[in-house]
Amino acid sequence: LVCEAEPNVKILFACLATRATDPVIR
């Protein structure tokens, strides 16, 4: 291992903000 290039990559669950209130997605 040469170095740590990025210590904090986020794993995100995402949807369009305009669809966030859809019952199944919510």
mmCIF file of all heavy atoms, coordinates in Angstrom:
data_MODEL
# 
_entry.id   MODEL 
# 
loop_
_atom_site.group_PDB 
_atom_site.id 
_atom_site.type_symbol 
_atom_site.label_atom_id 
_atom_site.label_alt_id 
_atom_site.label_comp_id 
_atom_site.label_asym_id 
_atom_site.label_entity_id 
_atom_site.label_seq_id 
_atom_site.pdbx_PDB_ins_code 
_atom_site.Cartn_x 
_atom_site.Cartn_y 
_atom_site.Cartn_z 
_atom_site.occupancy 
_atom_site.B_iso_or_equiv 
_atom_site.pdbx_formal_charge 
_atom_site.auth_seq_id 
_atom_site.auth_comp_id 
_atom_site.auth_asym_id 
_atom_site.auth_atom_id 
_atom_site.pdbx_PDB_model_num 
ATOM 1   N N   . LEU A 1 1  ? 0.841   -1.183 0.000   1.00 0.00 ? 1  LEU A N   1 
ATOM 2   C CA  . LEU A 1 1  ? 0.000   0.000  0.000   1.00 0.00 ? 1  LEU A CA  1 
ATOM 3   C C   . LEU A 1 1  ? 0.879   1.237  0.000   1.00 0.00 ? 1  LEU A C   1 
ATOM 4   O O   . LEU A 1 1  ? 1.670   1.445  0.929   1.00 0.00 ? 1  LEU A O   1 
ATOM 5   C CB  . LEU A 1 1  ? -0.928  -0.004 1.218   1.00 0.00 ? 1  LEU A CB  1 
ATOM 6   C CG  . LEU A 1 1  ? -1.877  -1.211 1.338   1.00 0.00 ? 1  LEU A CG  1 
ATOM 7   C CD1 . LEU A 1 1  ? -2.803  -1.037 2.542   1.00 0.00 ? 1  LEU A CD1 1 
ATOM 8   C CD2 . LEU A 1 1  ? -2.682  -1.396 0.064   1.00 0.00 ? 1  LEU A CD2 1 
ATOM 9   N N   . VAL A 1 2  ? 0.755   2.040  -1.039  1.00 0.00 ? 2  VAL A N   1 
ATOM 10  C CA  . VAL A 1 2  ? 1.591   3.234  -1.188  1.00 0.00 ? 2  VAL A CA  1 
ATOM 11  C C   . VAL A 1 2  ? 1.100   4.341  -0.258  1.00 0.00 ? 2  VAL A C   1 
ATOM 12  O O   . VAL A 1 2  ? 1.879   4.972  0.447   1.00 0.00 ? 2  VAL A O   1 
ATOM 13  C CB  . VAL A 1 2  ? 1.579   3.713  -2.651  1.00 0.00 ? 2  VAL A CB  1 
ATOM 14  C CG1 . VAL A 1 2  ? 2.410   4.996  -2.800  1.00 0.00 ? 2  VAL A CG1 1 
ATOM 15  C CG2 . VAL A 1 2  ? 2.084   2.621  -3.580  1.00 0.00 ? 2  VAL A CG2 1 
ATOM 16  N N   . CYS A 1 3  ? -0.211  4.576  -0.251  1.00 0.00 ? 3  CYS A N   1 
ATOM 17  C CA  . CYS A 1 3  ? -0.803  5.592  0.619   1.00 0.00 ? 3  CYS A CA  1 
ATOM 18  C C   . CYS A 1 3  ? -2.316  5.445  0.593   1.00 0.00 ? 3  CYS A C   1 
ATOM 19  O O   . CYS A 1 3  ? -2.867  4.709  -0.238  1.00 0.00 ? 3  CYS A O   1 
ATOM 20  C CB  . CYS A 1 3  ? -0.411  7.006  0.174   1.00 0.00 ? 3  CYS A CB  1 
ATOM 21  S SG  . CYS A 1 3  ? -1.149  7.493  -1.410  1.00 0.00 ? 3  CYS A SG  1 
ATOM 22  N N   . GLU A 1 4  ? -2.963  6.139  1.512   1.00 0.00 ? 4  GLU A N   1 
ATOM 23  C CA  . GLU A 1 4  ? -4.423  6.192  1.482   1.00 0.00 ? 4  GLU A CA  1 
ATOM 24  C C   . GLU A 1 4  ? -4.831  7.404  0.653   1.00 0.00 ? 4  GLU A C   1 
ATOM 25  O O   . GLU A 1 4  ? -4.531  8.545  1.005   1.00 0.00 ? 4  GLU A O   1 
ATOM 26  C CB  . GLU A 1 4  ? -4.990  6.293  2.901   1.00 0.00 ? 4  GLU A CB  1 
ATOM 27  C CG  . GLU A 1 4  ? -6.505  6.135  2.951   1.00 0.00 ? 4  GLU A CG  1 
ATOM 28  C CD  . GLU A 1 4  ? -7.048  6.069  4.369   1.00 0.00 ? 4  GLU A CD  1 
ATOM 29  O OE1 . GLU A 1 4  ? -6.440  6.684  5.275   1.00 0.00 ? 4  GLU A OE1 1 
ATOM 30  O OE2 . GLU A 1 4  ? -8.083  5.401  4.573   1.00 0.00 ? 4  GLU A OE2 1 
ATOM 31  N N   . ALA A 1 5  ? -5.495  7.150  -0.447  1.00 0.00 ? 5  ALA A N   1 
ATOM 32  C CA  . ALA A 1 5  ? -5.862  8.229  -1.358  1.00 0.00 ? 5  ALA A CA  1 
ATOM 33  C C   . ALA A 1 5  ? -7.086  8.991  -0.877  1.00 0.00 ? 5  ALA A C   1 
ATOM 34  O O   . ALA A 1 5  ? -7.190  10.211 -1.058  1.00 0.00 ? 5  ALA A O   1 
ATOM 35  C CB  . ALA A 1 5  ? -6.127  7.664  -2.755  1.00 0.00 ? 5  ALA A CB  1 
ATOM 36  N N   . GLU A 1 6  ? -8.035  8.281  -0.269  1.00 0.00 ? 6  GLU A N   1 
ATOM 37  C CA  . GLU A 1 6  ? -9.270  8.904  0.199   1.00 0.00 ? 6  GLU A CA  1 
ATOM 38  C C   . GLU A 1 6  ? -9.761  8.128  1.418   1.00 0.00 ? 6  GLU A C   1 
ATOM 39  O O   . GLU A 1 6  ? -10.105 6.961  1.311   1.00 0.00 ? 6  GLU A O   1 
ATOM 40  C CB  . GLU A 1 6  ? -10.337 8.889  -0.905  1.00 0.00 ? 6  GLU A CB  1 
ATOM 41  C CG  . GLU A 1 6  ? -11.719 9.325  -0.473  1.00 0.00 ? 6  GLU A CG  1 
ATOM 42  C CD  . GLU A 1 6  ? -11.736 10.713 0.133   1.00 0.00 ? 6  GLU A CD  1 
ATOM 43  O OE1 . GLU A 1 6  ? -11.345 11.669 -0.561  1.00 0.00 ? 6  GLU A OE1 1 
ATOM 44  O OE2 . GLU A 1 6  ? -12.121 10.832 1.322   1.00 0.00 ? 6  GLU A OE2 1 
ATOM 45  N N   . PRO A 1 7  ? -9.792  8.766  2.591   1.00 0.00 ? 7  PRO A N   1 
ATOM 46  C CA  . PRO A 1 7  ? -10.154 8.029  3.813   1.00 0.00 ? 7  PRO A CA  1 
ATOM 47  C C   . PRO A 1 7  ? -11.653 7.861  4.041   1.00 0.00 ? 7  PRO A C   1 
ATOM 48  O O   . PRO A 1 7  ? -12.066 7.036  4.843   1.00 0.00 ? 7  PRO A O   1 
ATOM 49  C CB  . PRO A 1 7  ? -9.548  8.889  4.926   1.00 0.00 ? 7  PRO A CB  1 
ATOM 50  C CG  . PRO A 1 7  ? -9.584  10.277 4.360   1.00 0.00 ? 7  PRO A CG  1 
ATOM 51  C CD  . PRO A 1 7  ? -9.333  10.133 2.886   1.00 0.00 ? 7  PRO A CD  1 
ATOM 52  N N   . ASN A 1 8  ? -12.465 8.641  3.359   1.00 0.00 ? 8  ASN A N   1 
ATOM 53  C CA  . ASN A 1 8  ? -13.890 8.653  3.718   1.00 0.00 ? 8  ASN A CA  1 
ATOM 54  C C   . ASN A 1 8  ? -14.779 8.756  2.483   1.00 0.00 ? 8  ASN A C   1 
ATOM 55  O O   . ASN A 1 8  ? -15.317 9.820  2.174   1.00 0.00 ? 8  ASN A O   1 
ATOM 56  C CB  . ASN A 1 8  ? -14.178 9.808  4.673   1.00 0.00 ? 8  ASN A CB  1 
ATOM 57  C CG  . ASN A 1 8  ? -15.606 9.796  5.186   1.00 0.00 ? 8  ASN A CG  1 
ATOM 58  O OD1 . ASN A 1 8  ? -16.270 8.764  5.192   1.00 0.00 ? 8  ASN A OD1 1 
ATOM 59  N ND2 . ASN A 1 8  ? -16.084 10.964 5.594   1.00 0.00 ? 8  ASN A ND2 1 
ATOM 60  N N   . VAL A 1 9  ? -14.934 7.647  1.795   1.00 0.00 ? 9  VAL A N   1 
ATOM 61  C CA  . VAL A 1 9  ? -15.904 7.580  0.708   1.00 0.00 ? 9  VAL A CA  1 
ATOM 62  C C   . VAL A 1 9  ? -17.238 7.141  1.299   1.00 0.00 ? 9  VAL A C   1 
ATOM 63  O O   . VAL A 1 9  ? -17.311 6.136  2.004   1.00 0.00 ? 9  VAL A O   1 
ATOM 64  C CB  . VAL A 1 9  ? -15.460 6.580  -0.384  1.00 0.00 ? 9  VAL A CB  1 
ATOM 65  C CG1 . VAL A 1 9  ? -16.516 6.483  -1.483  1.00 0.00 ? 9  VAL A CG1 1 
ATOM 66  C CG2 . VAL A 1 9  ? -14.124 6.993  -0.968  1.00 0.00 ? 9  VAL A CG2 1 
ATOM 67  N N   . LYS A 1 10 ? -18.286 7.887  1.025   1.00 0.00 ? 10 LYS A N   1 
ATOM 68  C CA  . LYS A 1 10 ? -19.603 7.586  1.589   1.00 0.00 ? 10 LYS A CA  1 
ATOM 69  C C   . LYS A 1 10 ? -20.366 6.616  0.679   1.00 0.00 ? 10 LYS A C   1 
ATOM 70  O O   . LYS A 1 10 ? -20.337 6.757  -0.545  1.00 0.00 ? 10 LYS A O   1 
ATOM 71  C CB  . LYS A 1 10 ? -20.404 8.872  1.761   1.00 0.00 ? 10 LYS A CB  1 
ATOM 72  C CG  . LYS A 1 10 ? -19.776 9.870  2.720   1.00 0.00 ? 10 LYS A CG  1 
ATOM 73  C CD  . LYS A 1 10 ? -20.557 11.157 2.792   1.00 0.00 ? 10 LYS A CD  1 
ATOM 74  C CE  . LYS A 1 10 ? -20.400 12.013 1.537   1.00 0.00 ? 10 LYS A CE  1 
ATOM 75  N NZ  . LYS A 1 10 ? -19.037 12.548 1.376   1.00 0.00 ? 10 LYS A NZ  1 
ATOM 76  N N   . ILE A 1 11 ? -21.025 5.642  1.295   1.00 0.00 ? 11 ILE A N   1 
ATOM 77  C CA  . ILE A 1 11 ? -21.969 4.790  0.576   1.00 0.00 ? 11 ILE A CA  1 
ATOM 78  C C   . ILE A 1 11 ? -23.342 5.371  0.829   1.00 0.00 ? 11 ILE A C   1 
ATOM 79  O O   . ILE A 1 11 ? -23.783 5.475  1.979   1.00 0.00 ? 11 ILE A O   1 
ATOM 80  C CB  . ILE A 1 11 ? -21.915 3.331  1.059   1.00 0.00 ? 11 ILE A CB  1 
ATOM 81  C CG1 . ILE A 1 11 ? -20.494 2.786  0.989   1.00 0.00 ? 11 ILE A CG1 1 
ATOM 82  C CG2 . ILE A 1 11 ? -22.859 2.463  0.220   1.00 0.00 ? 11 ILE A CG2 1 
ATOM 83  C CD1 . ILE A 1 11 ? -20.331 1.418  1.623   1.00 0.00 ? 11 ILE A CD1 1 
ATOM 84  N N   . LEU A 1 12 ? -24.026 5.786  -0.224  1.00 0.00 ? 12 LEU A N   1 
ATOM 85  C CA  . LEU A 1 12 ? -25.297 6.487  -0.086  1.00 0.00 ? 12 LEU A CA  1 
ATOM 86  C C   . LEU A 1 12 ? -26.437 5.712  -0.745  1.00 0.00 ? 12 LEU A C   1 
ATOM 87  O O   . LEU A 1 12 ? -26.257 5.105  -1.808  1.00 0.00 ? 12 LEU A O   1 
ATOM 88  C CB  . LEU A 1 12 ? -25.214 7.883  -0.718  1.00 0.00 ? 12 LEU A CB  1 
ATOM 89  C CG  . LEU A 1 12 ? -24.160 8.837  -0.153  1.00 0.00 ? 12 LEU A CG  1 
ATOM 90  C CD1 . LEU A 1 12 ? -24.187 10.144 -0.933  1.00 0.00 ? 12 LEU A CD1 1 
ATOM 91  C CD2 . LEU A 1 12 ? -24.384 9.101  1.328   1.00 0.00 ? 12 LEU A CD2 1 
ATOM 92  N N   . PHE A 1 13 ? -27.597 5.744  -0.087  1.00 0.00 ? 13 PHE A N   1 
ATOM 93  C CA  . PHE A 1 13 ? -28.838 5.295  -0.710  1.00 0.00 ? 13 PHE A CA  1 
ATOM 94  C C   . PHE A 1 13 ? -29.515 6.551  -1.213  1.00 0.00 ? 13 PHE A C   1 
ATOM 95  O O   . PHE A 1 13 ? -29.748 7.490  -0.435  1.00 0.00 ? 13 PHE A O   1 
ATOM 96  C CB  . PHE A 1 13 ? -29.725 4.569  0.300   1.00 0.00 ? 13 PHE A CB  1 
ATOM 97  C CG  . PHE A 1 13 ? -31.055 4.146  -0.267  1.00 0.00 ? 13 PHE A CG  1 
ATOM 98  C CD1 . PHE A 1 13 ? -31.149 3.058  -1.113  1.00 0.00 ? 13 PHE A CD1 1 
ATOM 99  C CD2 . PHE A 1 13 ? -32.212 4.843  0.056   1.00 0.00 ? 13 PHE A CD2 1 
ATOM 100 C CE1 . PHE A 1 13 ? -32.373 2.657  -1.641  1.00 0.00 ? 13 PHE A CE1 1 
ATOM 101 C CE2 . PHE A 1 13 ? -33.437 4.454  -0.462  1.00 0.00 ? 13 PHE A CE2 1 
ATOM 102 C CZ  . PHE A 1 13 ? -33.519 3.355  -1.309  1.00 0.00 ? 13 PHE A CZ  1 
ATOM 103 N N   . ALA A 1 14 ? -29.818 6.612  -2.495  1.00 0.00 ? 14 ALA A N   1 
ATOM 104 C CA  . ALA A 1 14 ? -30.274 7.877  -3.076  1.00 0.00 ? 14 ALA A CA  1 
ATOM 105 C C   . ALA A 1 14 ? -31.492 7.696  -3.972  1.00 0.00 ? 14 ALA A C   1 
ATOM 106 O O   . ALA A 1 14 ? -31.716 6.634  -4.569  1.00 0.00 ? 14 ALA A O   1 
ATOM 107 C CB  . ALA A 1 14 ? -29.136 8.503  -3.887  1.00 0.00 ? 14 ALA A CB  1 
ATOM 108 N N   . CYS A 1 15 ? -32.268 8.765  -4.046  1.00 0.00 ? 15 CYS A N   1 
ATOM 109 C CA  . CYS A 1 15 ? -33.361 8.877  -5.006  1.00 0.00 ? 15 CYS A CA  1 
ATOM 110 C C   . CYS A 1 15 ? -33.455 10.354 -5.385  1.00 0.00 ? 15 CYS A C   1 
ATOM 111 O O   . CYS A 1 15 ? -32.798 11.202 -4.774  1.00 0.00 ? 15 CYS A O   1 
ATOM 112 C CB  . CYS A 1 15 ? -34.685 8.394  -4.406  1.00 0.00 ? 15 CYS A CB  1 
ATOM 113 S SG  . CYS A 1 15 ? -35.310 9.445  -3.064  1.00 0.00 ? 15 CYS A SG  1 
ATOM 114 N N   . LEU A 1 16 ? -34.224 10.664 -6.390  1.00 0.00 ? 16 LEU A N   1 
ATOM 115 C CA  . LEU A 1 16 ? -34.447 12.067 -6.710  1.00 0.00 ? 16 LEU A CA  1 
ATOM 116 C C   . LEU A 1 16 ? -35.201 12.735 -5.563  1.00 0.00 ? 16 LEU A C   1 
ATOM 117 O O   . LEU A 1 16 ? -36.154 12.169 -5.020  1.00 0.00 ? 16 LEU A O   1 
ATOM 118 C CB  . LEU A 1 16 ? -35.252 12.199 -8.001  1.00 0.00 ? 16 LEU A CB  1 
ATOM 119 C CG  . LEU A 1 16 ? -34.512 11.930 -9.310  1.00 0.00 ? 16 LEU A CG  1 
ATOM 120 C CD1 . LEU A 1 16 ? -35.490 11.992 -10.489 1.00 0.00 ? 16 LEU A CD1 1 
ATOM 121 C CD2 . LEU A 1 16 ? -33.377 12.925 -9.521  1.00 0.00 ? 16 LEU A CD2 1 
ATOM 122 N N   . ALA A 1 17 ? -34.790 13.933 -5.208  1.00 0.00 ? 17 ALA A N   1 
ATOM 123 C CA  . ALA A 1 17 ? -35.452 14.652 -4.109  1.00 0.00 ? 17 ALA A CA  1 
ATOM 124 C C   . ALA A 1 17 ? -36.934 14.867 -4.406  1.00 0.00 ? 17 ALA A C   1 
ATOM 125 O O   . ALA A 1 17 ? -37.763 14.846 -3.495  1.00 0.00 ? 17 ALA A O   1 
ATOM 126 C CB  . ALA A 1 17 ? -34.757 15.990 -3.877  1.00 0.00 ? 17 ALA A CB  1 
ATOM 127 N N   . THR A 1 18 ? -37.273 15.016 -5.677  1.00 0.00 ? 18 THR A N   1 
ATOM 128 C CA  . THR A 1 18 ? -38.663 15.242 -6.052  1.00 0.00 ? 18 THR A CA  1 
ATOM 129 C C   . THR A 1 18 ? -39.519 13.996 -5.872  1.00 0.00 ? 18 THR A C   1 
ATOM 130 O O   . THR A 1 18 ? -40.749 14.079 -5.905  1.00 0.00 ? 18 THR A O   1 
ATOM 131 C CB  . THR A 1 18 ? -38.753 15.705 -7.518  1.00 0.00 ? 18 THR A CB  1 
ATOM 132 O OG1 . THR A 1 18 ? -38.076 14.750 -8.355  1.00 0.00 ? 18 THR A OG1 1 
ATOM 133 C CG2 . THR A 1 18 ? -38.130 17.069 -7.691  1.00 0.00 ? 18 THR A CG2 1 
ATOM 134 N N   . ARG A 1 19 ? -38.885 12.820 -5.657  1.00 0.00 ? 19 ARG A N   1 
ATOM 135 C CA  . ARG A 1 19 ? -39.636 11.576 -5.503  1.00 0.00 ? 19 ARG A CA  1 
ATOM 136 C C   . ARG A 1 19 ? -39.499 10.997 -4.090  1.00 0.00 ? 19 ARG A C   1 
ATOM 137 O O   . ARG A 1 19 ? -39.945 9.881  -3.833  1.00 0.00 ? 19 ARG A O   1 
ATOM 138 C CB  . ARG A 1 19 ? -39.177 10.543 -6.523  1.00 0.00 ? 19 ARG A CB  1 
ATOM 139 C CG  . ARG A 1 19 ? -39.366 10.955 -7.982  1.00 0.00 ? 19 ARG A CG  1 
ATOM 140 C CD  . ARG A 1 19 ? -39.258 9.746  -8.887  1.00 0.00 ? 19 ARG A CD  1 
ATOM 141 N NE  . ARG A 1 19 ? -40.266 8.761  -8.546  1.00 0.00 ? 19 ARG A NE  1 
ATOM 142 C CZ  . ARG A 1 19 ? -40.148 7.452  -8.828  1.00 0.00 ? 19 ARG A CZ  1 
ATOM 143 N NH1 . ARG A 1 19 ? -39.056 7.009  -9.424  1.00 0.00 ? 19 ARG A NH1 1 
ATOM 144 N NH2 . ARG A 1 19 ? -41.096 6.610  -8.484  1.00 0.00 ? 19 ARG A NH2 1 
ATOM 145 N N   . ALA A 1 20 ? -38.919 11.756 -3.186  1.00 0.00 ? 20 ALA A N   1 
ATOM 146 C CA  . ALA A 1 20 ? -38.628 11.240 -1.842  1.00 0.00 ? 20 ALA A CA  1 
ATOM 147 C C   . ALA A 1 20 ? -39.880 10.910 -1.049  1.00 0.00 ? 20 ALA A C   1 
ATOM 148 O O   . ALA A 1 20 ? -39.824 10.123 -0.099  1.00 0.00 ? 20 ALA A O   1 
ATOM 149 C CB  . ALA A 1 20 ? -37.778 12.246 -1.065  1.00 0.00 ? 20 ALA A CB  1 
ATOM 150 N N   . THR A 1 21 ? -41.041 11.493 -1.409  1.00 0.00 ? 21 THR A N   1 
ATOM 151 C CA  . THR A 1 21 ? -42.279 11.219 -0.677  1.00 0.00 ? 21 THR A CA  1 
ATOM 152 C C   . THR A 1 21 ? -43.097 10.100 -1.303  1.00 0.00 ? 21 THR A C   1 
ATOM 153 O O   . THR A 1 21 ? -44.164 9.755  -0.779  1.00 0.00 ? 21 THR A O   1 
ATOM 154 C CB  . THR A 1 21 ? -43.144 12.486 -0.591  1.00 0.00 ? 21 THR A CB  1 
ATOM 155 O OG1 . THR A 1 21 ? -43.425 12.964 -1.916  1.00 0.00 ? 21 THR A OG1 1 
ATOM 156 C CG2 . THR A 1 21 ? -42.435 13.576 0.199   1.00 0.00 ? 21 THR A CG2 1 
ATOM 157 N N   . ASP A 1 22 ? -42.631 9.528  -2.397  1.00 0.00 ? 22 ASP A N   1 
ATOM 158 C CA  . ASP A 1 22 ? -43.313 8.369  -2.976  1.00 0.00 ? 22 ASP A CA  1 
ATOM 159 C C   . ASP A 1 22 ? -43.400 7.275  -1.914  1.00 0.00 ? 22 ASP A C   1 
ATOM 160 O O   . ASP A 1 22 ? -42.399 6.957  -1.262  1.00 0.00 ? 22 ASP A O   1 
ATOM 161 C CB  . ASP A 1 22 ? -42.526 7.870  -4.194  1.00 0.00 ? 22 ASP A CB  1 
ATOM 162 C CG  . ASP A 1 22 ? -43.136 6.621  -4.797  1.00 0.00 ? 22 ASP A CG  1 
ATOM 163 O OD1 . ASP A 1 22 ? -42.901 5.519  -4.247  1.00 0.00 ? 22 ASP A OD1 1 
ATOM 164 O OD2 . ASP A 1 22 ? -43.813 6.726  -5.819  1.00 0.00 ? 22 ASP A OD2 1 
ATOM 165 N N   . PRO A 1 23 ? -44.581 6.675  -1.681  1.00 0.00 ? 23 PRO A N   1 
ATOM 166 C CA  . PRO A 1 23 ? -44.732 5.727  -0.559  1.00 0.00 ? 23 PRO A CA  1 
ATOM 167 C C   . PRO A 1 23 ? -43.730 4.582  -0.558  1.00 0.00 ? 23 PRO A C   1 
ATOM 168 O O   . PRO A 1 23 ? -43.179 4.245  0.502   1.00 0.00 ? 23 PRO A O   1 
ATOM 169 C CB  . PRO A 1 23 ? -46.167 5.209  -0.734  1.00 0.00 ? 23 PRO A CB  1 
ATOM 170 C CG  . PRO A 1 23 ? -46.876 6.321  -1.437  1.00 0.00 ? 23 PRO A CG  1 
ATOM 171 C CD  . PRO A 1 23 ? -45.863 6.916  -2.360  1.00 0.00 ? 23 PRO A CD  1 
ATOM 172 N N   . VAL A 1 24 ? -43.475 3.980  -1.707  1.00 0.00 ? 24 VAL A N   1 
ATOM 173 C CA  . VAL A 1 24 ? -42.546 2.843  -1.756  1.00 0.00 ? 24 VAL A CA  1 
ATOM 174 C C   . VAL A 1 24 ? -41.117 3.311  -1.505  1.00 0.00 ? 24 VAL A C   1 
ATOM 175 O O   . VAL A 1 24 ? -40.366 2.697  -0.736  1.00 0.00 ? 24 VAL A O   1 
ATOM 176 C CB  . VAL A 1 24 ? -42.654 2.108  -3.105  1.00 0.00 ? 24 VAL A CB  1 
ATOM 177 C CG1 . VAL A 1 24 ? -41.607 0.997  -3.193  1.00 0.00 ? 24 VAL A CG1 1 
ATOM 178 C CG2 . VAL A 1 24 ? -44.049 1.516  -3.284  1.00 0.00 ? 24 VAL A CG2 1 
ATOM 179 N N   . ILE A 1 25 ? -40.716 4.398  -2.151  1.00 0.00 ? 25 ILE A N   1 
ATOM 180 C CA  . ILE A 1 25 ? -39.363 4.926  -1.966  1.00 0.00 ? 25 ILE A CA  1 
ATOM 181 C C   . ILE A 1 25 ? -39.167 5.399  -0.533  1.00 0.00 ? 25 ILE A C   1 
ATOM 182 O O   . ILE A 1 25 ? -38.128 5.144  0.086   1.00 0.00 ? 25 ILE A O   1 
ATOM 183 C CB  . ILE A 1 25 ? -39.091 6.078  -2.956  1.00 0.00 ? 25 ILE A CB  1 
ATOM 184 C CG1 . ILE A 1 25 ? -39.139 5.569  -4.398  1.00 0.00 ? 25 ILE A CG1 1 
ATOM 185 C CG2 . ILE A 1 25 ? -37.735 6.726  -2.672  1.00 0.00 ? 25 ILE A CG2 1 
ATOM 186 C CD1 . ILE A 1 25 ? -39.001 6.657  -5.448  1.00 0.00 ? 25 ILE A CD1 1 
ATOM 187 N N   . ARG A 1 26 ? -40.189 6.072  0.018   1.00 0.00 ? 26 ARG A N   1 
ATOM 188 C CA  . ARG A 1 26 ? -40.084 6.558  1.400   1.00 0.00 ? 26 ARG A CA  1 
ATOM 189 C C   . ARG A 1 26 ? -39.936 5.399  2.382   1.00 0.00 ? 26 ARG A C   1 
ATOM 190 O O   . ARG A 1 26 ? -39.157 5.486  3.337   1.00 0.00 ? 26 ARG A O   1 
ATOM 191 C CB  . ARG A 1 26 ? -41.323 7.383  1.760   1.00 0.00 ? 26 ARG A CB  1 
ATOM 192 C CG  . ARG A 1 26 ? -41.263 8.001  3.168   1.00 0.00 ? 26 ARG A CG  1 
ATOM 193 C CD  . ARG A 1 26 ? -42.460 8.858  3.462   1.00 0.00 ? 26 ARG A CD  1 
ATOM 194 N NE  . ARG A 1 26 ? -43.673 8.073  3.505   1.00 0.00 ? 26 ARG A NE  1 
ATOM 195 C CZ  . ARG A 1 26 ? -44.753 8.322  2.754   1.00 0.00 ? 26 ARG A CZ  1 
ATOM 196 N NH1 . ARG A 1 26 ? -44.752 9.328  1.912   1.00 0.00 ? 26 ARG A NH1 1 
ATOM 197 N NH2 . ARG A 1 26 ? -45.825 7.562  2.850   1.00 0.00 ? 26 ARG A NH2 1 
# 
